[in-house]
PDB file of N, CA and C in Angstrom:
ATOM      1  N   MET A   1       0.880  -1.115   0.134  1.00  0.00           N
ATOM      2  CA  MET A   1      -0.061   0.034   0.019  1.00  0.00           C
ATOM      3  C   MET A   1       0.920   1.187   0.024  1.00  0.00           C
ATOM      4  N   THR A   2       0.679   2.288  -0.838  1.00  0.00           N
ATOM      5  CA  THR A   2       1.473   3.311  -1.015  1.00  0.00           C
ATOM      6  C   THR A   2       0.783   4.422  -0.110  1.00  0.00           C
ATOM      7  N   SER A   3       1.688   5.512   0.265  1.00  0.00           N
ATOM      8  CA  SER A   3       1.109   6.485   1.169  1.00  0.00           C
ATOM      9  C   SER A   3       0.348   7.495   0.076  1.00  0.00           C
ATOM     10  N   PRO A   4      -0.483   8.204   0.567  1.00  0.00           N
ATOM     11  CA  PRO A   4      -1.119   9.141  -0.553  1.00  0.00           C
ATOM     12  C   PRO A   4      -0.194  10.349  -0.721  1.00  0.00           C
ATOM     13  N   GLU A   5      -0.246  10.945  -1.879  1.00  0.00           N
ATOM     14  CA  GLU A   5       0.503  12.137  -2.108  1.00  0.00           C
ATOM     15  C   GLU A   5      -0.036  13.322  -1.432  1.00  0.00           C
ATOM     16  N   PRO A   6       0.671  14.322  -0.682  1.00  0.00           N
ATOM     17  CA  PRO A   6       0.313  15.308  -0.143  1.00  0.00           C
ATOM     18  C   PRO A   6      -0.112  16.425  -1.205  1.00  0.00           C
ATOM     19  N   SER A   7      -1.102  17.049  -0.935  1.00  0.00           N
ATOM     20  CA  SER A   7      -1.604  18.035  -2.013  1.00  0.00           C
ATOM     21  C   SER A   7      -0.486  19.165  -2.208  1.00  0.00           C
ATOM     22  N   ALA A   8      -0.469  19.953  -3.415  1.00  0.00           N
ATOM     23  CA  ALA A   8       0.551  20.850  -3.634  1.00  0.00           C
ATOM     24  C   ALA A   8       0.594  21.908  -2.419  1.00  0.00           C
ATOM     25  N   SER A   9      -0.571  22.378  -2.012  1.00  0.00           N
ATOM     26  CA  SER A   9      -0.402  23.487  -1.156  1.00  0.00           C
ATOM     27  C   SER A   9       0.061  23.073   0.025  1.00  0.00           C
ATOM     28  N   ILE A  10      -0.248  21.981   0.680  1.00  0.00           N
ATOM     29  CA  ILE A  10       0.621  21.478   1.791  1.00  0.00           C
ATOM     30  C   ILE A  10       2.018  21.303   1.548  1.00  0.00           C
ATOM     31  N   ALA A  11       2.487  20.777   0.485  1.00  0.00           N
ATOM     32  CA  ALA A  11       3.852  20.122   0.347  1.00  0.00           C
ATOM     33  C   ALA A  11       4.667  21.521   0.075  1.00  0.00           C
ATOM     34  N   ASN A  12       4.179  22.492  -0.540  1.00  0.00           N
ATOM     35  CA  ASN A  12       4.855  23.830  -0.905  1.00  0.00           C
ATOM     36  C   ASN A  12       4.771  24.989   0.208  1.00  0.00           C
ATOM     37  N   ASP A  13       4.226  24.598   1.349  1.00  0.00           N
ATOM     38  CA  ASP A  13       4.046  25.383   2.646  1.00  0.00           C
ATOM     39  C   ASP A  13       5.168  25.755   3.441  1.00  0.00           C
ATOM     40  N   PRO A  14       5.942  26.796   3.346  1.00  0.00           N
ATOM     41  CA  PRO A  14       7.042  26.958   4.242  1.00  0.00           C
ATOM     42  C   PRO A  14       6.715  26.967   5.629  1.00  0.00           C
ATOM     43  N   PHE A  15       5.463  27.250   5.953  1.00  0.00           N
ATOM     44  CA  PHE A  15       4.939  27.661   7.427  1.00  0.00           C
ATOM     45  C   PHE A  15       4.023  26.618   7.824  1.00  0.00           C
ATOM     46  N   PRO A  16       4.486  25.458   8.283  1.00  0.00           N
ATOM     47  CA  PRO A  16       3.463  24.484   8.545  1.00  0.00           C
ATOM     48  C   PRO A  16       2.514  24.888   9.801  1.00  0.00           C
ATOM     49  N   GLU A  17       1.332  24.217   9.709  1.00  0.00           N
ATOM     50  CA  GLU A  17       0.294  24.742  10.556  1.00  0.00           C
ATOM     51  C   GLU A  17       0.732  24.515  12.034  1.00  0.00           C
ATOM     52  N   GLY A  18       0.729  25.475  13.040  1.00  0.00           N
ATOM     53  CA  GLY A  18       1.032  25.319  14.415  1.00  0.00           C
ATOM     54  C   GLY A  18       2.496  26.030  14.695  1.00  0.00           C
ATOM     55  N   SER A  19       3.262  26.236  13.516  1.00  0.00           N
ATOM     56  CA  SER A  19       4.402  27.133  13.645  1.00  0.00           C
ATOM     57  C   SER A  19       4.256  28.607  14.090  1.00  0.00           C
ATOM     58  N   VAL A  20       5.244  28.999  14.770  1.00  0.00           N
ATOM     59  CA  VAL A  20       5.418  30.535  15.083  1.00  0.00           C
ATOM     60  C   VAL A  20       6.647  31.156  14.927  1.00  0.00           C
ATOM     61  N   ASP A  21       6.542  32.362  14.873  1.00  0.00           N
ATOM     62  CA  ASP A  21       7.806  33.096  14.662  1.00  0.00           C
ATOM     63  C   ASP A  21       8.555  33.096  15.802  1.00  0.00           C
ATOM     64  N   ALA A  22       9.931  32.815  15.656  1.00  0.00           N
ATOM     65  CA  ALA A  22      10.873  32.785  16.838  1.00  0.00           C
ATOM     66  C   ALA A  22      11.541  34.099  16.778  1.00  0.00           C
ATOM     67  N   GLY A  23      11.409  34.735  15.710  1.00  0.00           N
ATOM     68  CA  GLY A  23      12.141  36.187  15.696  1.00  0.00           C
ATOM     69  C   GLY A  23      12.137  36.497  14.398  1.00  0.00           C
ATOM     70  N   VAL A  24      12.252  37.684  14.067  1.00  0.00           N
ATOM     71  CA  VAL A  24      12.583  38.609  12.802  1.00  0.00           C
ATOM     72  C   VAL A  24      13.958  39.232  12.641  1.00  0.00           C
ATOM     73  N   TYR A  25      14.752  38.874  11.849  1.00  0.00           N
ATOM     74  CA  TYR A  25      16.208  39.162  11.894  1.00  0.00           C
ATOM     75  C   TYR A  25      16.302  40.148  10.366  1.00  0.00           C
ATOM     76  N   PRO A  26      17.310  40.989  10.416  1.00  0.00           N
ATOM     77  CA  PRO A  26      17.658  41.678   9.194  1.00  0.00           C
ATOM     78  C   PRO A  26      18.119  40.983   8.042  1.00  0.00           C
ATOM     79  N   THR A  27      18.946  39.973   8.479  1.00  0.00           N
ATOM     80  CA  THR A  27      19.646  39.250   7.478  1.00  0.00           C
ATOM     81  C   THR A  27      19.614  37.726   7.594  1.00  0.00           C
ATOM     82  N   HIS A  28      19.784  36.978   6.744  1.00  0.00           N
ATOM     83  CA  HIS A  28      19.784  35.722   6.819  1.00  0.00           C
ATOM     84  C   HIS A  28      20.808  35.048   7.749  1.00  0.00           C
ATOM     85  N   GLY A  29      21.908  35.641   7.768  1.00  0.00           N
ATOM     86  CA  GLY A  29      23.002  35.288   8.672  1.00  0.00           C
ATOM     87  C   GLY A  29      22.647  35.567  10.115  1.00  0.00           C
ATOM     88  N   ASP A  30      22.067  36.483  10.589  1.00  0.00           N
ATOM     89  CA  ASP A  30      21.499  36.743  11.565  1.00  0.00           C
ATOM     90  C   ASP A  30      20.633  35.709  12.122  1.00  0.00           C
ATOM     91  N   GLY A  31      19.708  35.521  11.392  1.00  0.00           N
ATOM     92  CA  GLY A  31      18.692  34.506  11.713  1.00  0.00           C
ATOM     93  C   GLY A  31      19.137  33.185  11.826  1.00  0.00           C
ATOM     94  N   PHE A  32      20.196  32.714  11.251  1.00  0.00           N
ATOM     95  CA  PHE A  32      20.818  31.445  11.223  1.00  0.00           C
ATOM     96  C   PHE A  32      21.528  31.525  12.585  1.00  0.00           C
ATOM     97  N   GLN A  33      22.316  32.433  12.922  1.00  0.00           N
ATOM     98  CA  GLN A  33      23.149  32.488  14.225  1.00  0.00           C
ATOM     99  C   GLN A  33      22.008  32.450  15.270  1.00  0.00           C
ATOM    100  N   HIS A  34      20.934  33.101  15.391  1.00  0.00           N
ATOM    101  CA  HIS A  34      19.917  32.816  16.365  1.00  0.00           C
ATOM    102  C   HIS A  34      19.213  31.398  16.456  1.00  0.00           C
ATOM    103  N   SER A  35      19.218  30.971  15.073  1.00  0.00           N
ATOM    104  CA  SER A  35      18.687  29.475  15.178  1.00  0.00           C
ATOM    105  C   SER A  35      19.576  28.438  15.929  1.00  0.00           C
ATOM    106  N   LEU A  36      20.744  28.629  15.780  1.00  0.00           N
ATOM    107  CA  LEU A  36      21.667  27.768  16.557  1.00  0.00           C
ATOM    108  C   LEU A  36      21.457  27.881  18.234  1.00  0.00           C
ATOM    109  N   VAL A  37      21.090  28.932  18.646  1.00  0.00           N
ATOM    110  CA  VAL A  37      20.517  29.146  20.134  1.00  0.00           C
ATOM    111  C   VAL A  37      19.430  28.349  20.379  1.00  0.00           C
ATOM    112  N   LEU A  38      18.415  28.328  19.541  1.00  0.00           N
ATOM    113  CA  LEU A  38      17.103  27.680  19.686  1.00  0.00           C
ATOM    114  C   LEU A  38      17.596  25.998  19.483  1.00  0.00           C
ATOM    115  N   ILE A  39      18.279  25.651  18.743  1.00  0.00           N
ATOM    116  CA  ILE A  39      18.592  24.161  18.566  1.00  0.00           C
ATOM    117  C   ILE A  39      19.418  23.773  19.831  1.00  0.00           C
ATOM    118  N   ASP A  40      20.242  24.597  20.395  1.00  0.00           N
ATOM    119  CA  ASP A  40      21.139  24.311  21.533  1.00  0.00           C
ATOM    120  C   ASP A  40      19.923  24.288  22.717  1.00  0.00           C
ATOM    121  N   MET A  41      19.003  24.924  22.679  1.00  0.00           N
ATOM    122  CA  MET A  41      18.060  25.020  23.760  1.00  0.00           C
ATOM    123  C   MET A  41      16.977  24.022  23.720  1.00  0.00           C
ATOM    124  N   GLY A  42      17.084  22.928  22.503  1.00  0.00           N
ATOM    125  CA  GLY A  42      16.030  21.890  22.266  1.00  0.00           C
ATOM    126  C   GLY A  42      15.013  22.192  21.663  1.00  0.00           C
ATOM    127  N   GLU A  43      14.815  23.521  21.048  1.00  0.00           N
ATOM    128  CA  GLU A  43      13.423  23.973  20.432  1.00  0.00           C
ATOM    129  C   GLU A  43      13.417  23.718  19.224  1.00  0.00           C
TER     130      GLU A  43
END
């Protein structure tokens, strides 16, 4: 039995249901550095 294909709207959604903003940063690099803190915190 194969699993059903997700609809295009779900498969291409960059923000899954239930996700929240952890912050807004001026550059991709700043956001990446702060993401390391969240990973270290286990979030």
